[in-house]
Amino acid sequence: MTAELIGLVLDGTKTATACAEWDYDADSEAVPRVGDLAIVLERFRVLYPR
């Protein structure tokens, strides 16, 4: 799924995302704001056909 997500970001199909606010609270993370940037990394090798 990560490889698919990266592909969608790189081709411009995916330009935004969302998460439950409680998830940020649980991790004591700041809620993203308009204009923030994120980096998507492929952490594990994809073992199935793409």
PDB file of N, CA and C in Angstrom:
ATOM      1  N   MET A   1       0.821  -1.189   0.000  1.00  0.00           N
ATOM      2  CA  MET A   1       0.000   0.000   0.000  1.00  0.00           C
ATOM      3  C   MET A   1       0.868   1.257   0.000  1.00  0.00           C
ATOM      4  N   THR A   2       2.001   1.204   0.655  1.00  0.00           N
ATOM      5  CA  THR A   2       2.885   2.362   0.696  1.00  0.00           C
ATOM      6  C   THR A   2       3.354   2.739  -0.702  1.00  0.00           C
ATOM      7  N   ALA A   3       3.708   1.731  -1.492  1.00  0.00           N
ATOM      8  CA  ALA A   3       4.174   1.995  -2.854  1.00  0.00           C
ATOM      9  C   ALA A   3       3.069   2.667  -3.666  1.00  0.00           C
ATOM     10  N   GLU A   4       1.828   2.214  -3.481  1.00  0.00           N
ATOM     11  CA  GLU A   4       0.701   2.836  -4.192  1.00  0.00           C
ATOM     12  C   GLU A   4       0.530   4.291  -3.766  1.00  0.00           C
ATOM     13  N   LEU A   5       0.620   4.543  -2.463  1.00  0.00           N
ATOM     14  CA  LEU A   5       0.483   5.899  -1.938  1.00  0.00           C
ATOM     15  C   LEU A   5       1.556   6.808  -2.516  1.00  0.00           C
ATOM     16  N   ILE A   6       2.794   6.346  -2.521  1.00  0.00           N
ATOM     17  CA  ILE A   6       3.889   7.151  -3.063  1.00  0.00           C
ATOM     18  C   ILE A   6       3.646   7.453  -4.539  1.00  0.00           C
ATOM     19  N   GLY A   7       3.170   6.462  -5.293  1.00  0.00           N
ATOM     20  CA  GLY A   7       2.861   6.678  -6.708  1.00  0.00           C
ATOM     21  C   GLY A   7       1.803   7.738  -6.910  1.00  0.00           C
ATOM     22  N   LEU A   8       0.751   7.707  -6.080  1.00  0.00           N
ATOM     23  CA  LEU A   8      -0.316   8.704  -6.190  1.00  0.00           C
ATOM     24  C   LEU A   8       0.182  10.109  -5.854  1.00  0.00           C
ATOM     25  N   VAL A   9       1.059  10.200  -4.866  1.00  0.00           N
ATOM     26  CA  VAL A   9       1.626  11.504  -4.500  1.00  0.00           C
ATOM     27  C   VAL A   9       2.511  12.027  -5.623  1.00  0.00           C
ATOM     28  N   LEU A  10       3.379  11.162  -6.155  1.00  0.00           N
ATOM     29  CA  LEU A  10       4.319  11.595  -7.188  1.00  0.00           C
ATOM     30  C   LEU A  10       3.637  11.990  -8.481  1.00  0.00           C
ATOM     31  N   ASP A  11       2.520  11.319  -8.839  1.00  0.00           N
ATOM     32  CA  ASP A  11       1.858  11.702 -10.089  1.00  0.00           C
ATOM     33  C   ASP A  11       0.830  12.814  -9.904  1.00  0.00           C
ATOM     34  N   GLY A  12       0.704  13.325  -8.665  1.00  0.00           N
ATOM     35  CA  GLY A  12      -0.170  14.470  -8.409  1.00  0.00           C
ATOM     36  C   GLY A  12      -1.616  14.122  -8.138  1.00  0.00           C
ATOM     37  N   THR A  13      -1.962  12.827  -8.140  1.00  0.00           N
ATOM     38  CA  THR A  13      -3.335  12.413  -7.861  1.00  0.00           C
ATOM     39  C   THR A  13      -3.692  12.683  -6.405  1.00  0.00           C
ATOM     40  N   LYS A  14      -2.779  12.373  -5.498  1.00  0.00           N
ATOM     41  CA  LYS A  14      -3.018  12.580  -4.066  1.00  0.00           C
ATOM     42  C   LYS A  14      -2.274  13.829  -3.619  1.00  0.00           C
ATOM     43  N   THR A  15      -3.020  14.797  -3.130  1.00  0.00           N
ATOM     44  CA  THR A  15      -2.405  16.058  -2.692  1.00  0.00           C
ATOM     45  C   THR A  15      -2.746  16.404  -1.252  1.00  0.00           C
ATOM     46  N   ALA A  16      -3.565  15.588  -0.603  1.00  0.00           N
ATOM     47  CA  ALA A  16      -3.963  15.866   0.777  1.00  0.00           C
ATOM     48  C   ALA A  16      -4.286  14.556   1.486  1.00  0.00           C
ATOM     49  N   THR A  17      -4.339  14.606   2.804  1.00  0.00           N
ATOM     50  CA  THR A  17      -4.700  13.446   3.607  1.00  0.00           C
ATOM     51  C   THR A  17      -5.420  13.918   4.864  1.00  0.00           C
ATOM     52  N   ALA A  18      -5.929  12.983   5.634  1.00  0.00           N
ATOM     53  CA  ALA A  18      -6.641  13.330   6.863  1.00  0.00           C
ATOM     54  C   ALA A  18      -6.408  12.251   7.906  1.00  0.00           C
ATOM     55  N   CYS A  19      -6.579  12.629   9.160  1.00  0.00           N
ATOM     56  CA  CYS A  19      -6.422  11.704  10.270  1.00  0.00           C
ATOM     57  C   CYS A  19      -7.340  12.179  11.396  1.00  0.00           C
ATOM     58  N   ALA A  20      -7.742  11.272  12.252  1.00  0.00           N
ATOM     59  CA  ALA A  20      -8.580  11.639  13.396  1.00  0.00           C
ATOM     60  C   ALA A  20      -7.787  12.516  14.371  1.00  0.00           C
ATOM     61  N   GLU A  21      -8.432  13.546  14.890  1.00  0.00           N
ATOM     62  CA  GLU A  21      -7.748  14.455  15.811  1.00  0.00           C
ATOM     63  C   GLU A  21      -7.253  13.727  17.064  1.00  0.00           C
ATOM     64  N   TRP A  22      -8.030  12.724  17.522  1.00  0.00           N
ATOM     65  CA  TRP A  22      -7.608  11.996  18.727  1.00  0.00           C
ATOM     66  C   TRP A  22      -6.290  11.262  18.504  1.00  0.00           C
ATOM     67  N   ASP A  23      -5.998  10.912  17.261  1.00  0.00           N
ATOM     68  CA  ASP A  23      -4.749  10.231  16.955  1.00  0.00           C
ATOM     69  C   ASP A  23      -3.555  11.159  17.226  1.00  0.00           C
ATOM     70  N   TYR A  24      -3.699  12.416  16.881  1.00  0.00           N
ATOM     71  CA  TYR A  24      -2.636  13.394  17.163  1.00  0.00           C
ATOM     72  C   TYR A  24      -2.515  13.615  18.671  1.00  0.00           C
ATOM     73  N   ASP A  25      -3.648  13.700  19.344  1.00  0.00           N
ATOM     74  CA  ASP A  25      -3.633  13.885  20.794  1.00  0.00           C
ATOM     75  C   ASP A  25      -2.945  12.713  21.493  1.00  0.00           C
ATOM     76  N   ALA A  26      -3.249  11.490  21.051  1.00  0.00           N
ATOM     77  CA  ALA A  26      -2.681  10.294  21.676  1.00  0.00           C
ATOM     78  C   ALA A  26      -1.160  10.267  21.550  1.00  0.00           C
ATOM     79  N   ASP A  27      -0.633  10.806  20.460  1.00  0.00           N
ATOM     80  CA  ASP A  27       0.819  10.825  20.239  1.00  0.00           C
ATOM     81  C   ASP A  27       1.461  12.155  20.630  1.00  0.00           C
ATOM     82  N   SER A  28       0.670  13.065  21.196  1.00  0.00           N
ATOM     83  CA  SER A  28       1.149  14.409  21.569  1.00  0.00           C
ATOM     84  C   SER A  28       1.785  15.115  20.384  1.00  0.00           C
ATOM     85  N   GLU A  29       1.186  14.949  19.200  1.00  0.00           N
ATOM     86  CA  GLU A  29       1.667  15.598  17.976  1.00  0.00           C
ATOM     87  C   GLU A  29       0.820  16.824  17.671  1.00  0.00           C
ATOM     88  N   ALA A  30       1.436  17.799  17.039  1.00  0.00           N
ATOM     89  CA  ALA A  30       0.698  18.982  16.598  1.00  0.00           C
ATOM     90  C   ALA A  30      -0.168  18.609  15.391  1.00  0.00           C
ATOM     91  N   VAL A  31      -1.374  19.138  15.344  1.00  0.00           N
ATOM     92  CA  VAL A  31      -2.266  18.908  14.210  1.00  0.00           C
ATOM     93  C   VAL A  31      -1.713  19.674  13.009  1.00  0.00           C
ATOM     94  N   PRO A  32      -1.607  19.024  11.846  1.00  0.00           N
ATOM     95  CA  PRO A  32      -1.080  19.714  10.664  1.00  0.00           C
ATOM     96  C   PRO A  32      -1.921  20.937  10.291  1.00  0.00           C
ATOM     97  N   ARG A  33      -1.277  21.922   9.706  1.00  0.00           N
ATOM     98  CA  ARG A  33      -1.951  23.143   9.267  1.00  0.00           C
ATOM     99  C   ARG A  33      -1.808  23.283   7.751  1.00  0.00           C
ATOM    100  N   VAL A  34      -2.652  24.076   7.170  1.00  0.00           N
ATOM    101  CA  VAL A  34      -2.579  24.334   5.735  1.00  0.00           C
ATOM    102  C   VAL A  34      -1.182  24.833   5.401  1.00  0.00           C
ATOM    103  N   GLY A  35      -0.575  24.237   4.384  1.00  0.00           N
ATOM    104  CA  GLY A  35       0.765  24.632   3.961  1.00  0.00           C
ATOM    105  C   GLY A  35       1.874  23.761   4.522  1.00  0.00           C
ATOM    106  N   ASP A  36       1.561  22.927   5.546  1.00  0.00           N
ATOM    107  CA  ASP A  36       2.576  22.023   6.078  1.00  0.00           C
ATOM    108  C   ASP A  36       2.961  20.998   5.011  1.00  0.00           C
ATOM    109  N   LEU A  37       4.183  20.526   5.073  1.00  0.00           N
ATOM    110  CA  LEU A  37       4.667  19.502   4.148  1.00  0.00           C
ATOM    111  C   LEU A  37       4.980  18.229   4.924  1.00  0.00           C
ATOM    112  N   ALA A  38       4.881  17.089   4.265  1.00  0.00           N
ATOM    113  CA  ALA A  38       5.214  15.806   4.884  1.00  0.00           C
ATOM    114  C   ALA A  38       6.063  15.001   3.919  1.00  0.00           C
ATOM    115  N   ILE A  39       6.821  14.085   4.466  1.00  0.00           N
ATOM    116  CA  ILE A  39       7.645  13.194   3.663  1.00  0.00           C
ATOM    117  C   ILE A  39       7.080  11.789   3.797  1.00  0.00           C
ATOM    118  N   VAL A  40       6.876  11.126   2.665  1.00  0.00           N
ATOM    119  CA  VAL A  40       6.377   9.751   2.660  1.00  0.00           C
ATOM    120  C   VAL A  40       7.549   8.842   2.334  1.00  0.00           C
ATOM    121  N   LEU A  41       7.817   7.892   3.222  1.00  0.00           N
ATOM    122  CA  LEU A  41       8.924   6.964   3.026  1.00  0.00           C
ATOM    123  C   LEU A  41       8.394   5.550   2.850  1.00  0.00           C
ATOM    124  N   GLU A  42       9.038   4.785   1.999  1.00  0.00           N
ATOM    125  CA  GLU A  42       8.703   3.374   1.866  1.00  0.00           C
ATOM    126  C   GLU A  42       9.647   2.623   2.789  1.00  0.00           C
ATOM    127  N   ARG A  43       9.121   2.212   3.923  1.00  0.00           N
ATOM    128  CA  ARG A  43       9.947   1.626   4.970  1.00  0.00           C
ATOM    129  C   ARG A  43      10.269   0.155   4.712  1.00  0.00           C
ATOM    130  N   PHE A  44       9.294  -0.578   4.219  1.00  0.00           N
ATOM    131  CA  PHE A  44       9.479  -2.011   3.996  1.00  0.00           C
ATOM    132  C   PHE A  44       9.425  -2.318   2.513  1.00  0.00           C
ATOM    133  N   ARG A  45      10.149  -3.279   2.108  1.00  0.00           N
ATOM    134  CA  ARG A  45      10.126  -3.702   0.709  1.00  0.00           C
ATOM    135  C   ARG A  45       8.778  -4.355   0.401  1.00  0.00           C
ATOM    136  N   VAL A  46       8.213  -4.003  -0.714  1.00  0.00           N
ATOM    137  CA  VAL A  46       6.940  -4.577  -1.126  1.00  0.00           C
ATOM    138  C   VAL A  46       7.206  -5.944  -1.734  1.00  0.00           C
ATOM    139  N   LEU A  47       6.570  -6.964  -1.173  1.00  0.00           N
ATOM    140  CA  LEU A  47       6.863  -8.324  -1.597  1.00  0.00           C
ATOM    141  C   LEU A  47       5.815  -8.885  -2.556  1.00  0.00           C
ATOM    142  N   TYR A  48       4.844  -8.117  -2.937  1.00  0.00           N
ATOM    143  CA  TYR A  48       3.803  -8.568  -3.862  1.00  0.00           C
ATOM    144  C   TYR A  48       3.920  -7.785  -5.155  1.00  0.00           C
ATOM    145  N   PRO A  49       3.349  -8.290  -6.230  1.00  0.00           N
ATOM    146  CA  PRO A  49       3.436  -7.559  -7.504  1.00  0.00           C
ATOM    147  C   PRO A  49       2.799  -6.174  -7.397  1.00  0.00           C
ATOM    148  N   ARG A  50       3.424  -5.195  -8.039  1.00  0.00           N
ATOM    149  CA  ARG A  50       2.894  -3.824  -7.999  1.00  0.00           C
ATOM    150  C   ARG A  50       1.925  -3.592  -9.106  1.00  0.00           C
TER     151      ARG A  50
END
